[in-house]
Amino acid sequence: MATYAIGDVQGCFKSLTQLTKTIQFDPKQDRLWFVGDLVNRGPDSLHVLRYIRNLGSAAVTVLGNHDLFLLAVAAETTPVRPRDTLTQILDAPDGDELMGWLRQQPLLYRKDSFLLVHAGLLPDWTIEQAEALALEAQTALRGDQFIATLRALHPSGHLQWSSDLTGLTRLAAIIKVLTRLRTCSADGVMESSFSGPPDLTPEGFLPWFDIPGRRSATSTVVFGHWAAMGLKIAPNLLALDSGCVYGRHLTAVRLEDRKVFQVRCEETRGGK
């Protein structure tokens, strides 16, 4: 039995199919961990969702910002943007069923020495605190506060985490950290607009995992979200967004030995 963590798929179903063939994935004995952003920008988000849902217990996924955006569009709390490729899901006969399944997925998953999250953790958050906060927010998404929480989250640029926050603002700030964080200051102020490579991080900020004294460094954090950084392997980090939807690679890492597997993006091979 092997566990493979896979980077941001973003609707690239052909690439996902090729990657599962490359790793010789056997759903009867292997497990797939997805870092979130299953959908959007790529051409076939519908089949990505159907495939992962149908894997049942053979797959674990956490919610990414594009997954939450899909839920918000489906709930009519935010409009579709020109670059979004979500129509086939919204129009599918099983669209509501898929939205119900997606809504039940966690924001954070922890097993043994690994922690799976889409974007990152603030430097002052312990693993245990992150688990508790994620549970608080995902409970709201699964329950009666679903619509109100999505409304509070979109747009999210103004949100900053503080332990003093309450209500919907608190829930939205937790979700922002877990699904959108790239860089922050040493005291946990998030830089909300930057998406470039780490060496161009704005002055006064650092990649969240480079903040000295980061309290979550006791576990290996498996995450995606940062396509401009690409694949990064470190003793307590596995950053797996290698920009498949931008024509680069889809990556899997076997957690047992950290062996890396990659396929070129099938959706853009040969040019467009």
C-alpha atoms as a PDB file:
ATOM      1  CA  MET A   1       0.000   0.000   0.000  1.00  0.00           C
ATOM      2  CA  ALA A   2       1.272   3.464  -0.925  1.00  0.00           C
ATOM      3  CA  THR A   3      -0.025   6.998  -0.382  1.00  0.00           C
ATOM      4  CA  TYR A   4       0.499   9.565  -3.127  1.00  0.00           C
ATOM      5  CA  ALA A   5      -0.010  13.294  -2.547  1.00  0.00           C
ATOM      6  CA  ILE A   6      -1.025  15.100  -5.739  1.00  0.00           C
ATOM      7  CA  GLY A   7      -0.790  18.801  -6.551  1.00  0.00           C
ATOM      8  CA  ASP A   8      -3.421  21.183  -7.874  1.00  0.00           C
ATOM      9  CA  VAL A   9      -5.371  19.441 -10.657  1.00  0.00           C
ATOM     10  CA  GLN A  10      -7.624  22.389 -11.618  1.00  0.00           C
ATOM     11  CA  GLY A  11      -9.747  20.524 -14.109  1.00  0.00           C
ATOM     12  CA  CYS A  12      -6.873  18.806 -15.959  1.00  0.00           C
ATOM     13  CA  PHE A  13      -8.478  15.377 -16.100  1.00  0.00           C
ATOM     14  CA  LYS A  14      -6.282  13.979 -18.887  1.00  0.00           C
ATOM     15  CA  SER A  15      -3.179  14.845 -16.877  1.00  0.00           C
ATOM     16  CA  LEU A  16      -4.649  13.264 -13.757  1.00  0.00           C
ATOM     17  CA  THR A  17      -5.445  10.094 -15.688  1.00  0.00           C
ATOM     18  CA  GLN A  18      -1.902   9.962 -17.061  1.00  0.00           C
ATOM     19  CA  LEU A  19      -0.413  10.522 -13.605  1.00  0.00           C
ATOM     20  CA  THR A  20      -2.432   7.705 -12.031  1.00  0.00           C
ATOM     21  CA  LYS A  21      -1.176   5.416 -14.800  1.00  0.00           C
ATOM     22  CA  THR A  22       2.406   6.557 -14.186  1.00  0.00           C
ATOM     23  CA  ILE A  23       2.259   5.716 -10.484  1.00  0.00           C
ATOM     24  CA  GLN A  24       0.315   2.513 -11.225  1.00  0.00           C
ATOM     25  CA  PHE A  25      -2.362   3.558  -8.786  1.00  0.00           C
ATOM     26  CA  ASP A  26      -4.440   0.687  -7.443  1.00  0.00           C
ATOM     27  CA  PRO A  27      -7.533   1.973  -5.603  1.00  0.00           C
ATOM     28  CA  LYS A  28      -7.882  -1.362  -3.811  1.00  0.00           C
ATOM     29  CA  GLN A  29      -4.673  -0.811  -1.891  1.00  0.00           C
ATOM     30  CA  ASP A  30      -3.245   2.667  -2.577  1.00  0.00           C
ATOM     31  CA  ARG A  31      -4.442   6.081  -1.424  1.00  0.00           C
ATOM     32  CA  LEU A  32      -4.463   9.468  -3.139  1.00  0.00           C
ATOM     33  CA  TRP A  33      -4.219  12.747  -1.230  1.00  0.00           C
ATOM     34  CA  PHE A  34      -5.245  15.880  -3.132  1.00  0.00           C
ATOM     35  CA  VAL A  35      -4.130  19.340  -1.978  1.00  0.00           C
ATOM     36  CA  GLY A  36      -7.321  20.986  -3.230  1.00  0.00           C
ATOM     37  CA  ASP A  37      -8.147  23.151  -6.243  1.00  0.00           C
ATOM     38  CA  LEU A  38      -9.608  20.163  -8.016  1.00  0.00           C
ATOM     39  CA  VAL A  39     -11.486  22.478 -10.379  1.00  0.00           C
ATOM     40  CA  ASN A  40     -11.394  25.591 -12.560  1.00  0.00           C
ATOM     41  CA  ARG A  41      -9.250  27.075 -15.317  1.00  0.00           C
ATOM     42  CA  GLY A  42      -8.660  23.616 -16.825  1.00  0.00           C
ATOM     43  CA  PRO A  43     -11.032  22.074 -19.401  1.00  0.00           C
ATOM     44  CA  ASP A  44     -12.626  19.124 -17.564  1.00  0.00           C
ATOM     45  CA  SER A  45     -13.409  19.874 -13.939  1.00  0.00           C
ATOM     46  CA  LEU A  46     -16.572  17.790 -14.120  1.00  0.00           C
ATOM     47  CA  HIS A  47     -14.734  14.524 -14.744  1.00  0.00           C
ATOM     48  CA  VAL A  48     -12.120  15.371 -12.125  1.00  0.00           C
ATOM     49  CA  LEU A  49     -14.841  15.722  -9.487  1.00  0.00           C
ATOM     50  CA  ARG A  50     -16.632  12.571 -10.588  1.00  0.00           C
ATOM     51  CA  TYR A  51     -13.416  10.549 -10.589  1.00  0.00           C
ATOM     52  CA  ILE A  52     -12.264  11.614  -7.126  1.00  0.00           C
ATOM     53  CA  ARG A  53     -15.714  11.283  -5.581  1.00  0.00           C
ATOM     54  CA  ASN A  54     -16.061   7.781  -7.014  1.00  0.00           C
ATOM     55  CA  LEU A  55     -12.765   6.722  -5.420  1.00  0.00           C
ATOM     56  CA  GLY A  56     -14.499   6.815  -2.040  1.00  0.00           C
ATOM     57  CA  SER A  57     -12.121   6.017   0.811  1.00  0.00           C
ATOM     58  CA  ALA A  58      -9.214   5.575  -1.624  1.00  0.00           C
ATOM     59  CA  ALA A  59      -8.959   9.366  -1.903  1.00  0.00           C
ATOM     60  CA  VAL A  60      -8.671  12.277   0.509  1.00  0.00           C
ATOM     61  CA  THR A  61      -9.004  15.872  -0.609  1.00  0.00           C
ATOM     62  CA  VAL A  62      -9.000  19.184   1.198  1.00  0.00           C
ATOM     63  CA  LEU A  63     -10.808  22.246  -0.106  1.00  0.00           C
ATOM     64  CA  GLY A  64      -8.887  24.830  -2.103  1.00  0.00           C
ATOM     65  CA  ASN A  65      -9.867  28.385  -2.964  1.00  0.00           C
ATOM     66  CA  HIS A  66     -11.135  27.373  -6.427  1.00  0.00           C
ATOM     67  CA  ASP A  67     -13.269  24.620  -4.912  1.00  0.00           C
ATOM     68  CA  LEU A  68     -14.815  27.109  -2.507  1.00  0.00           C
ATOM     69  CA  PHE A  69     -15.341  29.543  -5.355  1.00  0.00           C
ATOM     70  CA  LEU A  70     -17.257  26.849  -7.242  1.00  0.00           C
ATOM     71  CA  LEU A  71     -19.471  26.309  -4.203  1.00  0.00           C
ATOM     72  CA  ALA A  72     -20.059  30.059  -3.972  1.00  0.00           C
ATOM     73  CA  VAL A  73     -20.984  30.302  -7.665  1.00  0.00           C
ATOM     74  CA  ALA A  74     -23.329  27.328  -7.361  1.00  0.00           C
ATOM     75  CA  ALA A  75     -24.925  28.955  -4.315  1.00  0.00           C
ATOM     76  CA  GLU A  76     -25.272  32.227  -6.267  1.00  0.00           C
ATOM     77  CA  THR A  77     -23.287  34.225  -3.725  1.00  0.00           C
ATOM     78  CA  THR A  78     -20.649  35.339  -6.255  1.00  0.00           C
ATOM     79  CA  PRO A  79     -20.592  35.586 -10.071  1.00  0.00           C
ATOM     80  CA  VAL A  80     -18.563  33.573 -12.558  1.00  0.00           C
ATOM     81  CA  ARG A  81     -15.507  35.414 -13.940  1.00  0.00           C
ATOM     82  CA  PRO A  82     -14.298  35.383 -17.566  1.00  0.00           C
ATOM     83  CA  ARG A  83     -11.456  32.892 -16.947  1.00  0.00           C
ATOM     84  CA  ASP A  84     -13.554  30.399 -14.992  1.00  0.00           C
ATOM     85  CA  THR A  85     -14.416  27.025 -16.540  1.00  0.00           C
ATOM     86  CA  LEU A  86     -17.176  25.844 -14.233  1.00  0.00           C
ATOM     87  CA  THR A  87     -20.223  25.813 -16.518  1.00  0.00           C
ATOM     88  CA  GLN A  88     -20.064  22.092 -17.289  1.00  0.00           C
ATOM     89  CA  ILE A  89     -20.319  21.300 -13.565  1.00  0.00           C
ATOM     90  CA  LEU A  90     -23.143  23.757 -12.963  1.00  0.00           C
ATOM     91  CA  ASP A  91     -25.094  22.355 -15.916  1.00  0.00           C
ATOM     92  CA  ALA A  92     -24.402  18.666 -15.234  1.00  0.00           C
ATOM     93  CA  PRO A  93     -27.324  16.418 -14.224  1.00  0.00           C
ATOM     94  CA  ASP A  94     -25.331  15.342 -11.164  1.00  0.00           C
ATOM     95  CA  GLY A  95     -24.102  18.876 -10.409  1.00  0.00           C
ATOM     96  CA  ASP A  96     -26.065  19.238  -7.179  1.00  0.00           C
ATOM     97  CA  GLU A  97     -24.838  15.855  -5.996  1.00  0.00           C
ATOM     98  CA  LEU A  98     -21.239  16.822  -6.712  1.00  0.00           C
ATOM     99  CA  MET A  99     -21.698  20.137  -4.871  1.00  0.00           C
ATOM    100  CA  GLY A 100     -23.043  18.240  -1.884  1.00  0.00           C
ATOM    101  CA  TRP A 101     -20.036  15.932  -1.895  1.00  0.00           C
ATOM    102  CA  LEU A 102     -17.557  18.795  -2.297  1.00  0.00           C
ATOM    103  CA  ARG A 103     -19.133  20.730   0.555  1.00  0.00           C
ATOM    104  CA  GLN A 104     -18.423  17.821   2.915  1.00  0.00           C
ATOM    105  CA  GLN A 105     -14.676  17.781   2.255  1.00  0.00           C
ATOM    106  CA  PRO A 106     -12.364  19.016   5.019  1.00  0.00           C
ATOM    107  CA  LEU A 107     -10.172  22.103   5.069  1.00  0.00           C
ATOM    108  CA  LEU A 108      -7.346  20.207   6.742  1.00  0.00           C
ATOM    109  CA  TYR A 109      -6.441  16.536   7.109  1.00  0.00           C
ATOM    110  CA  ARG A 110      -3.849  15.095   9.469  1.00  0.00           C
ATOM    111  CA  LYS A 111      -2.440  11.596   9.606  1.00  0.00           C
ATOM    112  CA  ASP A 112       0.675  10.472  11.441  1.00  0.00           C
ATOM    113  CA  SER A 113       3.422  13.043  10.769  1.00  0.00           C
ATOM    114  CA  PHE A 114       1.711  14.600   7.722  1.00  0.00           C
ATOM    115  CA  LEU A 115      -0.729  17.476   7.520  1.00  0.00           C
ATOM    116  CA  LEU A 116      -2.617  18.151   4.277  1.00  0.00           C
ATOM    117  CA  VAL A 117      -3.868  21.682   3.572  1.00  0.00           C
ATOM    118  CA  HIS A 118      -4.370  23.721   0.429  1.00  0.00           C
ATOM    119  CA  ALA A 119      -2.307  26.850   1.115  1.00  0.00           C
ATOM    120  CA  GLY A 120      -0.605  27.038   4.510  1.00  0.00           C
ATOM    121  CA  LEU A 121      -0.678  27.876   8.196  1.00  0.00           C
ATOM    122  CA  LEU A 122       0.123  31.091  10.016  1.00  0.00           C
ATOM    123  CA  PRO A 123       3.463  30.951  11.840  1.00  0.00           C
ATOM    124  CA  ASP A 124       1.940  31.166  15.309  1.00  0.00           C
ATOM    125  CA  TRP A 125      -0.517  28.309  14.733  1.00  0.00           C
ATOM    126  CA  THR A 126       0.338  24.953  16.219  1.00  0.00           C
ATOM    127  CA  ILE A 127      -0.806  21.823  14.435  1.00  0.00           C
ATOM    128  CA  GLU A 128      -3.434  21.253  17.118  1.00  0.00           C
ATOM    129  CA  GLN A 129      -4.712  24.828  16.856  1.00  0.00           C
ATOM    130  CA  ALA A 130      -4.898  24.576  13.070  1.00  0.00           C
ATOM    131  CA  GLU A 131      -6.923  21.364  13.374  1.00  0.00           C
ATOM    132  CA  ALA A 132      -9.365  22.979  15.800  1.00  0.00           C
ATOM    133  CA  LEU A 133      -9.805  26.106  13.671  1.00  0.00           C
ATOM    134  CA  ALA A 134     -10.254  24.093  10.487  1.00  0.00           C
ATOM    135  CA  LEU A 135     -12.909  21.988  12.186  1.00  0.00           C
ATOM    136  CA  GLU A 136     -14.702  25.134  13.311  1.00  0.00           C
ATOM    137  CA  ALA A 137     -14.828  26.517   9.768  1.00  0.00           C
ATOM    138  CA  GLN A 138     -15.679  23.290   7.982  1.00  0.00           C
ATOM    139  CA  THR A 139     -18.520  22.658  10.426  1.00  0.00           C
ATOM    140  CA  ALA A 140     -19.982  26.005   9.357  1.00  0.00           C
ATOM    141  CA  LEU A 141     -19.581  25.133   5.664  1.00  0.00           C
ATOM    142  CA  ARG A 142     -21.370  21.827   6.195  1.00  0.00           C
ATOM    143  CA  GLY A 143     -24.184  23.328   8.253  1.00  0.00           C
ATOM    144  CA  ASP A 144     -26.690  26.167   8.376  1.00  0.00           C
ATOM    145  CA  GLN A 145     -23.988  28.857   8.090  1.00  0.00           C
ATOM    146  CA  PHE A 146     -22.900  27.645   4.654  1.00  0.00           C
ATOM    147  CA  ILE A 147     -24.294  30.515   2.565  1.00  0.00           C
ATOM    148  CA  ALA A 148     -23.436  33.223   5.085  1.00  0.00           C
ATOM    149  CA  THR A 149     -19.854  31.977   5.409  1.00  0.00           C
ATOM    150  CA  LEU A 150     -19.359  31.992   1.635  1.00  0.00           C
ATOM    151  CA  ARG A 151     -20.701  35.545   1.480  1.00  0.00           C
ATOM    152  CA  ALA A 152     -18.246  36.620   4.175  1.00  0.00           C
ATOM    153  CA  LEU A 153     -15.367  34.956   2.319  1.00  0.00           C
ATOM    154  CA  HIS A 154     -15.900  36.550  -1.103  1.00  0.00           C
ATOM    155  CA  PRO A 155     -14.086  38.849  -1.541  1.00  0.00           C
ATOM    156  CA  SER A 156     -11.408  38.013   1.037  1.00  0.00           C
ATOM    157  CA  GLY A 157      -8.700  40.610   0.432  1.00  0.00           C
ATOM    158  CA  HIS A 158      -9.537  42.620   3.555  1.00  0.00           C
ATOM    159  CA  LEU A 159      -9.533  39.656   5.922  1.00  0.00           C
ATOM    160  CA  GLN A 160      -6.785  39.207   8.520  1.00  0.00           C
ATOM    161  CA  TRP A 161      -6.727  36.595  11.253  1.00  0.00           C
ATOM    162  CA  SER A 162      -6.969  37.518  14.917  1.00  0.00           C
ATOM    163  CA  SER A 163      -7.893  35.281  17.812  1.00  0.00           C
ATOM    164  CA  ASP A 164     -10.313  38.012  18.909  1.00  0.00           C
ATOM    165  CA  LEU A 165     -12.492  37.602  15.817  1.00  0.00           C
ATOM    166  CA  THR A 166     -15.999  36.234  16.198  1.00  0.00           C
ATOM    167  CA  GLY A 167     -18.853  35.142  14.003  1.00  0.00           C
ATOM    168  CA  LEU A 168     -18.705  35.012  10.218  1.00  0.00           C
ATOM    169  CA  THR A 169     -15.590  37.193   9.995  1.00  0.00           C
ATOM    170  CA  ARG A 170     -13.712  34.675  12.130  1.00  0.00           C
ATOM    171  CA  LEU A 171     -14.851  31.765   9.970  1.00  0.00           C
ATOM    172  CA  ALA A 172     -13.921  33.545   6.750  1.00  0.00           C
ATOM    173  CA  ALA A 173     -10.493  34.525   8.101  1.00  0.00           C
ATOM    174  CA  ILE A 174      -9.741  30.914   9.070  1.00  0.00           C
ATOM    175  CA  ILE A 175     -10.706  29.746   5.591  1.00  0.00           C
ATOM    176  CA  LYS A 176      -8.596  32.462   3.979  1.00  0.00           C
ATOM    177  CA  VAL A 177      -5.497  31.302   5.855  1.00  0.00           C
ATOM    178  CA  LEU A 178      -5.991  27.658   4.962  1.00  0.00           C
ATOM    179  CA  THR A 179      -6.854  28.227   1.292  1.00  0.00           C
ATOM    180  CA  ARG A 180      -5.103  31.438   0.196  1.00  0.00           C
ATOM    181  CA  LEU A 181      -1.990  32.052   2.300  1.00  0.00           C
ATOM    182  CA  ARG A 182       1.350  32.435   0.535  1.00  0.00           C
ATOM    183  CA  THR A 183       3.286  35.122   2.349  1.00  0.00           C
ATOM    184  CA  CYS A 184       2.927  36.893   5.665  1.00  0.00           C
ATOM    185  CA  SER A 185       4.846  38.959   8.177  1.00  0.00           C
ATOM    186  CA  ALA A 186       6.532  37.518  11.250  1.00  0.00           C
ATOM    187  CA  ASP A 187       3.491  38.466  13.333  1.00  0.00           C
ATOM    188  CA  GLY A 188       1.061  36.784  10.927  1.00  0.00           C
ATOM    189  CA  VAL A 189      -0.231  39.638   8.762  1.00  0.00           C
ATOM    190  CA  MET A 190      -1.117  38.121   5.376  1.00  0.00           C
ATOM    191  CA  GLU A 191      -0.116  39.740   2.079  1.00  0.00           C
ATOM    192  CA  SER A 192      -3.251  39.158   0.054  1.00  0.00           C
ATOM    193  CA  SER A 193      -2.348  40.228  -3.480  1.00  0.00           C
ATOM    194  CA  PHE A 194       1.017  38.549  -4.142  1.00  0.00           C
ATOM    195  CA  SER A 195       1.118  35.381  -6.254  1.00  0.00           C
ATOM    196  CA  GLY A 196       4.581  35.580  -7.807  1.00  0.00           C
ATOM    197  CA  PRO A 197       7.719  33.518  -7.122  1.00  0.00           C
ATOM    198  CA  PRO A 198       9.140  33.486  -3.586  1.00  0.00           C
ATOM    199  CA  ASP A 199      12.221  35.534  -4.512  1.00  0.00           C
ATOM    200  CA  LEU A 200       9.911  38.446  -5.384  1.00  0.00           C
ATOM    201  CA  THR A 201       8.028  38.378  -2.083  1.00  0.00           C
ATOM    202  CA  PRO A 202       7.153  41.967  -1.068  1.00  0.00           C
ATOM    203  CA  GLU A 203       9.349  43.694   1.480  1.00  0.00           C
ATOM    204  CA  GLY A 204       8.341  42.968   5.059  1.00  0.00           C
ATOM    205  CA  PHE A 205       6.891  39.567   4.215  1.00  0.00           C
ATOM    206  CA  LEU A 206       8.226  36.036   3.840  1.00  0.00           C
ATOM    207  CA  PRO A 207       6.830  32.770   2.520  1.00  0.00           C
ATOM    208  CA  TRP A 208       4.731  31.464   5.403  1.00  0.00           C
ATOM    209  CA  PHE A 209       6.964  28.387   5.823  1.00  0.00           C
ATOM    210  CA  ASP A 210      10.143  30.513   6.110  1.00  0.00           C
ATOM    211  CA  ILE A 211       9.000  32.534   9.130  1.00  0.00           C
ATOM    212  CA  PRO A 212      11.512  31.817  11.951  1.00  0.00           C
ATOM    213  CA  GLY A 213      10.017  29.814  14.794  1.00  0.00           C
ATOM    214  CA  ARG A 214       7.031  28.563  12.795  1.00  0.00           C
ATOM    215  CA  ARG A 215       5.094  26.404  15.271  1.00  0.00           C
ATOM    216  CA  SER A 216       3.772  23.914  12.695  1.00  0.00           C
ATOM    217  CA  ALA A 217       7.277  22.783  11.727  1.00  0.00           C
ATOM    218  CA  THR A 218       6.817  19.694  13.907  1.00  0.00           C
ATOM    219  CA  SER A 219       4.863  18.015  11.064  1.00  0.00           C
ATOM    220  CA  THR A 220       5.373  17.704   7.318  1.00  0.00           C
ATOM    221  CA  VAL A 221       2.900  20.087   5.725  1.00  0.00           C
ATOM    222  CA  VAL A 222       1.683  18.943   2.307  1.00  0.00           C
ATOM    223  CA  PHE A 223       0.195  21.810   0.314  1.00  0.00           C
ATOM    224  CA  GLY A 224      -0.295  23.410  -3.094  1.00  0.00           C
ATOM    225  CA  HIS A 225      -1.716  26.783  -4.197  1.00  0.00           C
ATOM    226  CA  TRP A 226       1.606  28.432  -5.142  1.00  0.00           C
ATOM    227  CA  ALA A 227       2.083  27.664  -8.836  1.00  0.00           C
ATOM    228  CA  ALA A 228       4.712  30.372  -9.315  1.00  0.00           C
ATOM    229  CA  MET A 229       6.915  28.632  -6.743  1.00  0.00           C
ATOM    230  CA  GLY A 230       6.488  25.173  -8.214  1.00  0.00           C
ATOM    231  CA  LEU A 231       7.581  21.929  -6.644  1.00  0.00           C
ATOM    232  CA  LYS A 232       9.448  22.342  -3.358  1.00  0.00           C
ATOM    233  CA  ILE A 233      10.638  19.424  -1.246  1.00  0.00           C
ATOM    234  CA  ALA A 234      12.049  20.098   2.209  1.00  0.00           C
ATOM    235  CA  PRO A 235      12.317  18.066   5.441  1.00  0.00           C
ATOM    236  CA  ASN A 236       9.004  19.398   6.776  1.00  0.00           C
ATOM    237  CA  LEU A 237       7.389  20.631   3.537  1.00  0.00           C
ATOM    238  CA  LEU A 238       5.966  19.153   0.363  1.00  0.00           C
ATOM    239  CA  ALA A 239       4.787  21.965  -1.935  1.00  0.00           C
ATOM    240  CA  LEU A 240       3.121  20.298  -4.918  1.00  0.00           C
ATOM    241  CA  ASP A 241       1.530  22.927  -7.177  1.00  0.00           C
ATOM    242  CA  SER A 242       3.757  22.546 -10.244  1.00  0.00           C
ATOM    243  CA  GLY A 243       1.496  24.561 -12.538  1.00  0.00           C
ATOM    244  CA  CYS A 244      -0.279  21.875 -14.534  1.00  0.00           C
ATOM    245  CA  VAL A 245      -3.086  24.202 -15.624  1.00  0.00           C
ATOM    246  CA  TYR A 246      -0.425  26.644 -16.882  1.00  0.00           C
ATOM    247  CA  GLY A 247       1.106  24.035 -19.153  1.00  0.00           C
ATOM    248  CA  ARG A 248       3.793  22.681 -16.833  1.00  0.00           C
ATOM    249  CA  HIS A 249       3.479  19.488 -14.760  1.00  0.00           C
ATOM    250  CA  LEU A 250       1.120  17.587 -12.496  1.00  0.00           C
ATOM    251  CA  THR A 251       3.070  16.134  -9.578  1.00  0.00           C
ATOM    252  CA  ALA A 252       2.618  13.234  -7.169  1.00  0.00           C
ATOM    253  CA  VAL A 253       4.886  12.436  -4.242  1.00  0.00           C
ATOM    254  CA  ARG A 254       4.819   9.020  -2.608  1.00  0.00           C
ATOM    255  CA  LEU A 255       4.768   9.840   1.083  1.00  0.00           C
ATOM    256  CA  GLU A 256       6.491   6.658   2.230  1.00  0.00           C
ATOM    257  CA  ASP A 257       9.781   7.493   0.478  1.00  0.00           C
ATOM    258  CA  ARG A 258       9.164  10.964  -1.033  1.00  0.00           C
ATOM    259  CA  LYS A 259       9.730   9.729  -4.545  1.00  0.00           C
ATOM    260  CA  VAL A 260       8.505  12.309  -7.078  1.00  0.00           C
ATOM    261  CA  PHE A 261       6.395  11.438 -10.122  1.00  0.00           C
ATOM    262  CA  GLN A 262       5.461  14.006 -12.768  1.00  0.00           C
ATOM    263  CA  VAL A 263       3.626  14.187 -16.078  1.00  0.00           C
ATOM    264  CA  ARG A 264       3.596  17.033 -18.559  1.00  0.00           C
ATOM    265  CA  CYS A 265       0.259  18.758 -18.821  1.00  0.00           C
ATOM    266  CA  GLU A 266      -1.760  16.743 -21.321  1.00  0.00           C
ATOM    267  CA  GLU A 267      -4.261  19.571 -21.842  1.00  0.00           C
ATOM    268  CA  THR A 268      -1.692  21.974 -23.341  1.00  0.00           C
ATOM    269  CA  ARG A 269       0.713  19.506 -24.939  1.00  0.00           C
ATOM    270  CA  GLY A 270       1.385  20.501 -28.514  1.00  0.00           C
ATOM    271  CA  GLY A 271       0.362  24.090 -27.871  1.00  0.00           C
ATOM    272  CA  LYS A 272      -2.896  25.969 -28.183  1.00  0.00           C
END
